[in-house]
Amino acid sequence: MKKLFLLLACIATSSVWAAPLVLQSDFGVKDGAVAEMKGIAVGVSPTIVLHDLSHHNTPFNIWEAAYRLKQTAPYWPEGTVFVSVIDPGVGTERKSVVLKTRSGHFFVTPDNGTLTLVAEELGIEAVREIDETKHRRSGSNRSYTFHGRDVYAYMGAKLAAGVTTFDDVGPLLPPQVVALPYEKPRRDGAGIVGTIPYLDFQYGNVWTNLDDALFEQLGVQPGEKLRVVIRHADETVYEGVVPYARTFGEVPEGEPLLYLNSLMNVALALNMGDFARTHQISYGAEWSIRVEPVR
């Protein structure tokens, strides 16, 4: 009975102190890849707390991975470890790193642009290259195409479980990461310009990186009209005039609106419709948007 009590106490203590481990990939869940990653993590610590960000990312889309981390990471507690594996260059010379942000979050990933947005938003505390002589699944040295399992899930689990400290990850790198180019939000004459980093896929709403503080500089009140121009590279894909509304119900069904989404960024929608599909709009660093009042 005493041994059982001590065992339960140890498990309870480790559960309290273990950090969440959050996994993102483009593997899908039709086969065993994600389960293999989780198995490695549980092998490091049976009490580890695993969560999924998403495994249905568009294959090879590094920008999408970067945005999903930016969208979700701020809502997780300090100390959370994110493992992100969208890695079209797996097995090549790209670095495997752990980023510690000034917010106290950890990101385990290939340094291929995935860290672009969290590095900007949460700040870079330090970056370390993973020493694979110490932090690689035993017996996996001849495996070149599944670093998500053999390196990243293993490294992330060791950090989350407290088996390894950040200082022991590997050599310290300069405080910078590979960054993807994109249109940063800014004021431009009478309007504001930015990019379309992502879509609200379930509803077809178009999300931008234009935040509420920048939008407020336009001095627009609910019900007032705005001219919106969306471009893909050098081609204008959409140009129209839409009202600013606080809720979808403020416009008739099927009508467009501009609103502030749950991240307090400017977004476009059709009430009870799909704005992106209707106007053939996608997302990514090459998609830009301009918004200005109609006066």
Foldseek 3Di string as FASTA:
>chain_A
DVVVVVVVVVLVVLLVQFAEEEEEAQQDDPDCLVVLLVVLLCVVPVSHHYHYLDNNPDALPLLLLLVSCLVPVVVGAAQYEYEHERPPPFLDPFFFKWWQFPRRYIYTYGLPASNARCCVVRNTPWMFTADCVPAFAPPCPVPGHRCSRGHRSSVRSCSRSVVDDPVPRHDTDPRDTDHDAAAPWDDDVQKIKGFFSFAPVVAQKTFTNAAQVNVCVNVDDFQFKKWKWKDQQPHTQDTDIATAHADLVVDDAQGKYWYQDPVRTIMIHGRSHRPCVVRVHGGDRRMMMMMGGDD
